[in-house]
């Protein structure tokens, strides 16, 4: 590292800033605990509203769950029971 680089730091790119922000969000989510995330009910409601535009579904026909392992793996599972097609 030259002396000039020490006094004139490089500008951060938007990708680096976004990466740092994402790392902070992930760290906060992990810190909140192993319980169910607070955003799942709202996510389920949003998915239900989108599905209602195309298919007649009721709230009990949509299930959203999140499984987290000890590592860095999280699986979001979405189950939708579609109504039978009437001919």
C-alpha atoms as a PDB file:
ATOM      1  CA  UNK A   1       0.000   0.000   0.000  1.00  0.00           C
ATOM      2  CA  UNK A   2       1.437   3.315  -0.993  1.00  0.00           C
ATOM      3  CA  UNK A   3       1.227   6.396   1.135  1.00  0.00           C
ATOM      4  CA  UNK A   4      -1.179   8.062  -1.305  1.00  0.00           C
ATOM      5  CA  UNK A   5      -3.630   5.163  -1.141  1.00  0.00           C
ATOM      6  CA  UNK A   6      -3.733   5.519   2.626  1.00  0.00           C
ATOM      7  CA  UNK A   7      -4.860   9.147   2.451  1.00  0.00           C
ATOM      8  CA  UNK A   8      -7.073   8.713  -0.590  1.00  0.00           C
ATOM      9  CA  UNK A   9      -9.227   5.596  -0.056  1.00  0.00           C
ATOM     10  CA  UNK A  10     -10.940   4.002  -3.026  1.00  0.00           C
ATOM     11  CA  UNK A  11     -14.601   4.733  -3.624  1.00  0.00           C
ATOM     12  CA  UNK A  12     -16.984   1.908  -2.851  1.00  0.00           C
ATOM     13  CA  UNK A  13     -19.001   0.584  -5.742  1.00  0.00           C
ATOM     14  CA  UNK A  14     -22.758   0.136  -5.420  1.00  0.00           C
ATOM     15  CA  UNK A  15     -22.280  -3.634  -5.532  1.00  0.00           C
ATOM     16  CA  UNK A  16     -19.989  -3.523  -2.500  1.00  0.00           C
ATOM     17  CA  UNK A  17     -22.416  -1.312  -0.601  1.00  0.00           C
ATOM     18  CA  UNK A  18     -25.317  -3.656  -1.430  1.00  0.00           C
ATOM     19  CA  UNK A  19     -23.265  -6.663  -0.331  1.00  0.00           C
ATOM     20  CA  UNK A  20     -22.429  -5.033   3.003  1.00  0.00           C
ATOM     21  CA  UNK A  21     -26.076  -4.130   3.611  1.00  0.00           C
ATOM     22  CA  UNK A  22     -27.194  -7.679   2.803  1.00  0.00           C
ATOM     23  CA  UNK A  23     -24.609  -9.074   5.225  1.00  0.00           C
ATOM     24  CA  UNK A  24     -25.975  -6.812   7.965  1.00  0.00           C
ATOM     25  CA  UNK A  25     -29.561  -7.924   7.279  1.00  0.00           C
ATOM     26  CA  UNK A  26     -28.595 -11.611   7.327  1.00  0.00           C
ATOM     27  CA  UNK A  27     -26.688 -11.145  10.586  1.00  0.00           C
ATOM     28  CA  UNK A  28     -29.681  -9.401  12.182  1.00  0.00           C
ATOM     29  CA  UNK A  29     -32.066 -12.163  11.080  1.00  0.00           C
ATOM     30  CA  UNK A  30     -29.779 -14.814  12.557  1.00  0.00           C
ATOM     31  CA  UNK A  31     -29.532 -12.867  15.793  1.00  0.00           C
ATOM     32  CA  UNK A  32     -33.316 -12.667  16.184  1.00  0.00           C
ATOM     33  CA  UNK A  33     -33.471 -16.324  17.094  1.00  0.00           C
ATOM     34  CA  UNK A  34     -34.607 -19.651  15.769  1.00  0.00           C
ATOM     35  CA  UNK A  35     -38.308 -18.824  15.985  1.00  0.00           C
ATOM     36  CA  UNK A  36     -40.543 -18.285  13.013  1.00  0.00           C
ATOM     37  CA  UNK A  37     -39.727 -15.046  11.160  1.00  0.00           C
ATOM     38  CA  UNK A  38     -42.189 -12.202  11.563  1.00  0.00           C
ATOM     39  CA  UNK A  39     -42.516 -11.635   7.821  1.00  0.00           C
ATOM     40  CA  UNK A  40     -44.064 -15.050   7.017  1.00  0.00           C
ATOM     41  CA  UNK A  41     -47.720 -14.067   7.678  1.00  0.00           C
ATOM     42  CA  UNK A  42     -47.396 -11.010   5.443  1.00  0.00           C
ATOM     43  CA  UNK A  43     -45.649 -13.089   2.783  1.00  0.00           C
ATOM     44  CA  UNK A  44     -48.493 -15.611   2.865  1.00  0.00           C
ATOM     45  CA  UNK A  45     -51.065 -12.818   2.521  1.00  0.00           C
ATOM     46  CA  UNK A  46     -49.195 -11.275  -0.434  1.00  0.00           C
ATOM     47  CA  UNK A  47     -48.971 -14.636  -2.212  1.00  0.00           C
ATOM     48  CA  UNK A  48     -52.667 -15.228  -1.585  1.00  0.00           C
ATOM     49  CA  UNK A  49     -53.579 -11.862  -3.126  1.00  0.00           C
ATOM     50  CA  UNK A  50     -51.535 -12.614  -6.253  1.00  0.00           C
ATOM     51  CA  UNK A  51     -53.093 -16.074  -6.613  1.00  0.00           C
ATOM     52  CA  UNK A  52     -56.594 -14.624  -6.283  1.00  0.00           C
ATOM     53  CA  UNK A  53     -56.015 -12.661  -9.488  1.00  0.00           C
ATOM     54  CA  UNK A  54     -55.777 -15.907 -11.450  1.00  0.00           C
ATOM     55  CA  UNK A  55     -57.493 -18.651  -9.440  1.00  0.00           C
ATOM     56  CA  UNK A  56     -60.220 -18.847  -6.815  1.00  0.00           C
ATOM     57  CA  UNK A  57     -58.327 -19.770  -3.656  1.00  0.00           C
ATOM     58  CA  UNK A  58     -59.036 -19.386   0.013  1.00  0.00           C
ATOM     59  CA  UNK A  59     -56.622 -18.643   2.829  1.00  0.00           C
ATOM     60  CA  UNK A  60     -56.602 -22.214   4.112  1.00  0.00           C
ATOM     61  CA  UNK A  61     -55.425 -23.430   0.684  1.00  0.00           C
ATOM     62  CA  UNK A  62     -52.021 -21.726   1.012  1.00  0.00           C
ATOM     63  CA  UNK A  63     -49.292 -22.887   3.400  1.00  0.00           C
ATOM     64  CA  UNK A  64     -45.946 -21.123   3.830  1.00  0.00           C
ATOM     65  CA  UNK A  65     -43.164 -22.526   5.994  1.00  0.00           C
ATOM     66  CA  UNK A  66     -39.507 -21.816   6.544  1.00  0.00           C
ATOM     67  CA  UNK A  67     -37.014 -24.491   7.548  1.00  0.00           C
ATOM     68  CA  UNK A  68     -33.597 -23.428   8.812  1.00  0.00           C
ATOM     69  CA  UNK A  69     -30.697 -25.768   9.383  1.00  0.00           C
ATOM     70  CA  UNK A  70     -27.714 -25.231  11.638  1.00  0.00           C
ATOM     71  CA  UNK A  71     -25.643 -24.071   8.695  1.00  0.00           C
ATOM     72  CA  UNK A  72     -26.357 -21.288   6.263  1.00  0.00           C
ATOM     73  CA  UNK A  73     -29.206 -23.154   4.554  1.00  0.00           C
ATOM     74  CA  UNK A  74     -32.805 -21.919   4.679  1.00  0.00           C
ATOM     75  CA  UNK A  75     -35.658 -23.463   2.712  1.00  0.00           C
ATOM     76  CA  UNK A  76     -38.876 -21.577   2.049  1.00  0.00           C
ATOM     77  CA  UNK A  77     -41.682 -24.016   1.246  1.00  0.00           C
ATOM     78  CA  UNK A  78     -44.916 -22.923  -0.415  1.00  0.00           C
ATOM     79  CA  UNK A  79     -47.834 -25.344  -0.790  1.00  0.00           C
ATOM     80  CA  UNK A  80     -50.922 -24.263  -2.702  1.00  0.00           C
ATOM     81  CA  UNK A  81     -53.991 -26.483  -3.051  1.00  0.00           C
ATOM     82  CA  UNK A  82     -55.628 -25.501  -6.305  1.00  0.00           C
ATOM     83  CA  UNK A  83     -59.369 -26.036  -6.769  1.00  0.00           C
ATOM     84  CA  UNK A  84     -60.580 -28.735  -9.118  1.00  0.00           C
ATOM     85  CA  UNK A  85     -61.252 -27.546 -12.620  1.00  0.00           C
ATOM     86  CA  UNK A  86     -64.945 -27.632 -13.494  1.00  0.00           C
ATOM     87  CA  UNK A  87     -65.818 -28.609 -17.073  1.00  0.00           C
END
